[in-house]
Amino acid sequence: MNVHAVVGHALTPAKAIKVVLGDVVNKGDSVSMVWSGPPNDTLEAVYDYVLDNDVPFCMYYADGTNPPKVFREAEFGVCQKTRNPDIAAVQSVEGDGAVLFLWDDNGGEGQIEYVFDHKPESARVLELSNGGSPITIDVDLPEPRDPEVPVDEDETEEDLEFAKEELENMAAASVKRYGLRKGCTGTTKGAIIGELFPEVMSETKGDPEARYDDNNGVEDDDEVPEYYTGVTAATIRQMVAEAKEFLAKVESLLND
């Protein structure tokens, strides 16, 4: 299945947005989107196209920006809370899917860098706000750098542990090496991070009225899925070692 991602901010006529989506998103494709609050006319056109055409979707959102009821109850989509919705959407691109970028004319060249830092290597980047024109990165843009982590003199690479945010900012090759050391089965940067830090997804159903009214979002007393922090392979190995040591002590006492 092809998974496309819509990210960025722009003000473009709704009709033009829907034409490009109709050309790029084929039957059976799905779309990853971002909810960051009440949408402008351009994002509303994206949401309308997905909902009106029953396009399977994943709506990424951060804590405190709950998607409205129409997305949470849509039968053909899911809403997923994550710490960085834009990066999560870009990393979700699969197959022949493309990153559909909404270019903000006032945003500067740097607004697109995170897309090229985190998208799958073969994924196309198209300017959704300009007829689906391809976007290429300038050769003089800096390559993504691994975060500098202070290391003790006696500490080796195998002793290092990274948080999810640190892995998201690393180059793909570094994440793959880290995942291999941790025993991950995923082969892409996104899959490895997802395996190390699984998060809760909530399935949703549909409602055609009052689509993007913020009052339809999750109320303060509604239950919102919280992050789930998985147990790493290193932690499991440590627990097993401690259990074996304890059993050995018990056996020694019994033999005495």
Protein backbone atom coordinates (compact mmCIF):
# COMPACT_ATOMS: atom_id res chain seq x y z
CA MET A 1 0.00 0.00 0.00
CA ASN A 2 1.19 3.50 -0.83
CA VAL A 3 1.20 5.95 2.08
CA HIS A 4 1.41 9.69 1.37
CA ALA A 5 2.04 12.44 3.91
CA VAL A 6 0.68 15.99 3.91
CA VAL A 7 2.77 18.44 5.95
CA GLY A 8 3.66 22.12 5.92
CA HIS A 9 1.71 25.38 5.98
CA ALA A 10 0.41 27.36 3.02
CA LEU A 11 -2.55 29.41 1.81
CA THR A 12 -3.66 27.92 -1.50
CA PRO A 13 -7.15 27.81 -3.09
CA ALA A 14 -9.05 24.69 -2.01
CA LYS A 15 -9.88 23.69 -5.59
CA ALA A 16 -6.20 23.57 -6.56
CA ILE A 17 -5.37 21.43 -3.52
CA LYS A 18 -8.11 18.90 -4.29
CA VAL A 19 -7.03 18.63 -7.94
CA VAL A 20 -3.49 17.65 -6.94
CA LEU A 21 -4.73 15.18 -4.31
CA GLY A 22 -6.97 13.60 -6.95
CA ASP A 23 -3.98 13.16 -9.28
CA VAL A 24 -1.57 11.77 -6.66
CA VAL A 25 -3.71 9.74 -4.25
CA ASN A 26 -4.96 6.62 -6.01
CA LYS A 27 -7.60 4.14 -4.90
CA GLY A 28 -6.18 1.99 -2.10
CA ASP A 29 -3.63 4.62 -1.04
CA SER A 30 -3.67 6.15 2.44
CA VAL A 31 -2.73 9.59 3.72
CA SER A 32 -0.90 10.67 6.87
CA MET A 33 -1.88 14.12 8.14
CA VAL A 34 -1.17 16.42 11.07
CA TRP A 35 -3.64 18.09 13.46
CA SER A 36 -2.28 21.15 15.24
CA GLY A 37 -5.52 23.04 15.89
CA PRO A 38 -8.32 24.62 13.83
CA PRO A 39 -7.19 24.47 10.16
CA ASN A 40 -6.86 27.27 7.63
CA ASP A 41 -8.73 26.99 4.30
CA THR A 42 -5.91 25.03 2.68
CA LEU A 43 -5.67 22.34 5.36
CA GLU A 44 -9.45 22.21 5.51
CA ALA A 45 -9.44 21.35 1.79
CA VAL A 46 -7.05 18.45 2.54
CA TYR A 47 -9.22 17.19 5.38
CA ASP A 48 -12.39 17.55 3.26
CA TYR A 49 -10.88 15.55 0.41
CA VAL A 50 -9.84 12.70 2.72
CA LEU A 51 -13.18 12.53 4.54
CA ASP A 52 -15.41 13.02 1.46
CA ASN A 53 -13.60 10.27 -0.47
CA ASP A 54 -13.18 7.82 2.43
CA VAL A 55 -9.40 7.86 2.00
CA PRO A 56 -7.76 5.74 4.73
CA PHE A 57 -5.77 8.05 6.98
CA CYS A 58 -3.63 8.40 10.07
CA MET A 59 -3.98 11.71 11.90
CA TYR A 60 -0.89 12.53 14.00
CA TYR A 61 -1.24 15.00 16.86
CA ALA A 62 0.72 16.18 19.86
CA ASP A 63 -0.38 16.29 23.48
CA GLY A 64 -2.88 19.12 23.99
CA THR A 65 -4.00 19.34 20.35
CA ASN A 66 -6.74 16.72 20.23
CA PRO A 67 -8.30 16.02 16.80
CA PRO A 68 -12.06 16.67 16.48
CA LYS A 69 -14.69 13.96 16.72
CA VAL A 70 -15.04 13.52 12.95
CA PHE A 71 -11.51 12.08 12.81
CA ARG A 72 -11.63 10.14 16.06
CA GLU A 73 -14.82 8.36 14.96
CA ALA A 74 -14.01 7.84 11.27
CA GLU A 75 -14.26 4.13 10.39
CA PHE A 76 -11.47 4.39 7.82
CA GLY A 77 -8.82 6.17 9.90
CA VAL A 78 -6.88 6.30 13.13
CA CYS A 79 -5.59 9.12 15.33
CA GLN A 80 -2.16 8.70 16.89
CA LYS A 81 -0.55 10.89 19.55
CA THR A 82 3.15 11.52 19.11
CA ARG A 83 5.75 14.02 20.27
CA ASN A 84 6.48 15.36 16.77
CA PRO A 85 3.49 14.93 14.42
CA ASP A 86 5.18 16.41 11.32
CA ILE A 87 8.20 14.11 11.52
CA ALA A 88 5.98 11.10 12.29
CA ALA A 89 3.87 11.81 9.19
CA VAL A 90 6.96 12.14 6.97
CA GLN A 91 8.46 8.91 8.32
CA SER A 92 5.21 7.02 7.63
CA VAL A 93 5.55 7.33 3.83
CA GLU A 94 5.62 3.90 2.20
CA GLY A 95 5.68 2.28 -1.23
CA ASP A 96 5.26 4.82 -4.04
CA GLY A 97 3.88 7.37 -1.58
CA ALA A 98 5.05 10.98 -1.65
CA VAL A 99 5.51 13.78 0.84
CA LEU A 100 3.00 16.46 -0.23
CA PHE A 101 4.40 19.69 1.12
CA LEU A 102 2.44 22.90 1.68
CA TRP A 103 5.05 25.60 1.05
CA ASP A 104 4.79 28.76 3.11
CA ASP A 105 6.12 31.66 1.01
CA ASN A 106 7.12 33.45 4.21
CA GLY A 107 8.74 30.42 5.82
CA GLY A 108 12.18 30.49 4.18
CA GLU A 109 14.22 27.65 2.70
CA GLY A 110 14.79 25.96 6.05
CA GLN A 111 11.14 24.94 6.41
CA ILE A 112 11.67 21.91 4.14
CA GLU A 113 14.91 20.54 5.67
CA TYR A 114 13.23 18.24 8.21
CA VAL A 115 11.36 16.53 5.38
CA PHE A 116 14.58 15.50 3.62
CA ASP A 117 16.18 14.58 6.96
CA HIS A 118 13.42 12.12 7.89
CA LYS A 119 11.67 10.87 4.74
CA PRO A 120 12.42 7.42 3.27
CA GLU A 121 15.33 7.76 0.86
CA SER A 122 13.33 6.96 -2.30
CA ALA A 123 10.23 9.00 -1.41
CA ARG A 124 9.33 11.91 -3.70
CA VAL A 125 8.65 15.37 -2.31
CA LEU A 126 5.96 17.27 -4.22
CA GLU A 127 4.74 20.81 -3.62
CA LEU A 128 1.04 20.32 -2.95
CA SER A 129 0.55 24.09 -2.94
CA ASN A 130 2.03 24.43 -6.45
CA GLY A 131 0.35 21.84 -8.63
CA GLY A 132 2.38 18.92 -7.31
CA SER A 133 5.72 20.18 -8.65
CA PRO A 134 8.75 18.16 -7.47
CA ILE A 135 10.93 19.71 -4.74
CA THR A 136 14.63 18.90 -4.62
CA ILE A 137 17.07 19.83 -1.88
CA ASP A 138 20.01 22.17 -2.56
CA VAL A 139 23.38 20.44 -2.42
CA ASP A 140 24.76 23.02 -0.01
CA LEU A 141 22.23 22.25 2.73
CA PRO A 142 23.98 20.64 5.72
CA GLU A 143 23.73 16.90 6.20
CA PRO A 144 21.88 15.75 9.34
CA ARG A 145 24.31 15.28 12.21
CA ASP A 146 24.11 12.89 15.11
CA PRO A 147 23.60 14.66 18.44
CA GLU A 148 26.74 15.05 20.52
CA VAL A 149 26.54 12.77 23.54
CA PRO A 150 29.07 13.08 26.35
CA VAL A 151 30.86 9.76 26.85
CA ASP A 152 32.80 8.64 29.91
CA GLU A 153 36.38 7.60 29.26
CA ASP A 154 35.59 3.97 30.08
CA GLU A 155 32.26 3.97 28.20
CA THR A 156 32.05 2.19 24.84
CA GLU A 157 29.55 2.66 21.98
CA GLU A 158 27.67 -0.43 23.15
CA ASP A 159 26.98 1.25 26.50
CA LEU A 160 25.23 4.27 24.97
CA GLU A 161 21.45 4.68 25.20
CA PHE A 162 19.42 7.20 23.23
CA ALA A 163 16.00 8.76 23.82
CA LYS A 164 13.36 8.78 21.08
CA GLU A 165 13.92 12.47 20.31
CA GLU A 166 17.65 11.87 19.90
CA LEU A 167 17.08 8.99 17.49
CA GLU A 168 14.64 11.09 15.44
CA ASN A 169 17.39 13.68 14.93
CA MET A 170 20.05 11.13 13.99
CA ALA A 171 21.01 10.11 10.47
CA ALA A 172 19.24 6.96 9.26
CA ALA A 173 22.48 4.95 9.11
CA SER A 174 23.24 5.66 12.78
CA VAL A 175 19.74 4.63 13.84
CA LYS A 176 20.04 1.39 11.85
CA ARG A 177 23.34 0.53 13.58
CA TYR A 178 21.78 1.29 16.96
CA GLY A 179 18.72 -0.83 16.12
CA LEU A 180 20.93 -3.73 15.05
CA ARG A 181 22.77 -3.57 18.38
CA LYS A 182 19.43 -3.52 20.22
CA GLY A 183 18.14 -6.56 18.35
CA CYS A 184 15.44 -4.69 16.41
CA THR A 185 13.83 -6.42 13.41
CA GLY A 186 12.88 -3.19 11.56
CA THR A 187 14.94 -2.21 8.52
CA THR A 188 14.09 1.50 8.29
CA LYS A 189 14.76 4.39 10.66
CA GLY A 190 11.06 4.88 11.38
CA ALA A 191 10.42 1.17 11.97
CA ILE A 192 13.35 0.88 14.40
CA ILE A 193 12.26 3.93 16.43
CA GLY A 194 8.71 2.62 16.47
CA GLU A 195 9.94 -0.77 17.73
CA LEU A 196 12.02 0.78 20.49
CA PHE A 197 9.32 3.28 21.49
CA PRO A 198 5.86 1.87 20.64
CA GLU A 199 2.98 4.28 21.04
CA VAL A 200 -0.77 3.79 21.53
CA MET A 201 -3.04 4.19 18.50
CA SER A 202 -6.75 4.82 18.84
CA GLU A 203 -9.21 3.56 16.21
CA THR A 204 -11.92 5.98 15.07
CA LYS A 205 -15.39 6.13 13.44
CA GLY A 206 -17.20 8.84 11.25
CA ASP A 207 -19.54 11.82 11.79
CA PRO A 208 -20.28 14.19 8.87
CA GLU A 209 -21.35 17.27 10.87
CA ALA A 210 -19.39 20.13 12.44
CA ARG A 211 -16.15 18.63 11.19
CA TYR A 212 -13.45 20.87 12.51
CA ASP A 213 -15.19 22.62 15.39
CA ASP A 214 -12.64 22.55 18.19
CA ASN A 215 -15.48 21.82 20.64
CA ASN A 216 -15.77 18.41 19.03
CA GLY A 217 -12.28 17.56 20.27
CA VAL A 218 -11.62 15.52 23.36
CA GLU A 219 -12.92 17.36 26.43
CA ASP A 220 -10.81 17.80 29.53
CA ASP A 221 -12.53 14.91 31.29
CA ASP A 222 -12.31 12.55 28.30
CA GLU A 223 -9.73 9.84 28.39
CA VAL A 224 -6.85 10.50 26.00
CA PRO A 225 -4.35 7.73 25.18
CA GLU A 226 -1.08 8.31 26.95
CA TYR A 227 2.35 7.39 25.69
CA TYR A 228 3.44 3.84 26.23
CA THR A 229 7.11 3.39 26.98
CA GLY A 230 8.29 -0.06 25.86
CA VAL A 231 10.88 -2.13 27.70
CA THR A 232 14.12 -2.23 25.74
CA ALA A 233 16.05 -5.39 24.92
CA ALA A 234 18.88 -4.25 27.22
CA THR A 235 16.46 -3.94 30.14
CA ILE A 236 15.07 -7.43 29.49
CA ARG A 237 18.57 -8.92 29.38
CA GLN A 238 19.41 -7.23 32.69
CA MET A 239 16.20 -8.56 34.28
CA VAL A 240 16.98 -12.11 33.08
CA ALA A 241 20.54 -11.90 34.44
CA GLU A 242 19.29 -10.73 37.84
CA ALA A 243 16.69 -13.50 37.93
CA LYS A 244 19.35 -16.15 37.16
CA GLU A 245 21.61 -14.77 39.89
CA PHE A 246 18.74 -14.91 42.39
CA LEU A 247 17.85 -18.51 41.45
CA ALA A 248 21.51 -19.53 41.79
CA LYS A 249 21.58 -18.11 45.34
CA VAL A 250 18.35 -19.94 46.24
CA GLU A 251 19.74 -23.22 44.86
CA SER A 252 22.95 -22.75 46.85
CA LEU A 253 20.99 -22.22 50.07
CA LEU A 254 18.88 -25.32 49.42
CA ASN A 255 21.96 -27.45 48.79
CA ASP A 256 23.53 -26.29 52.07
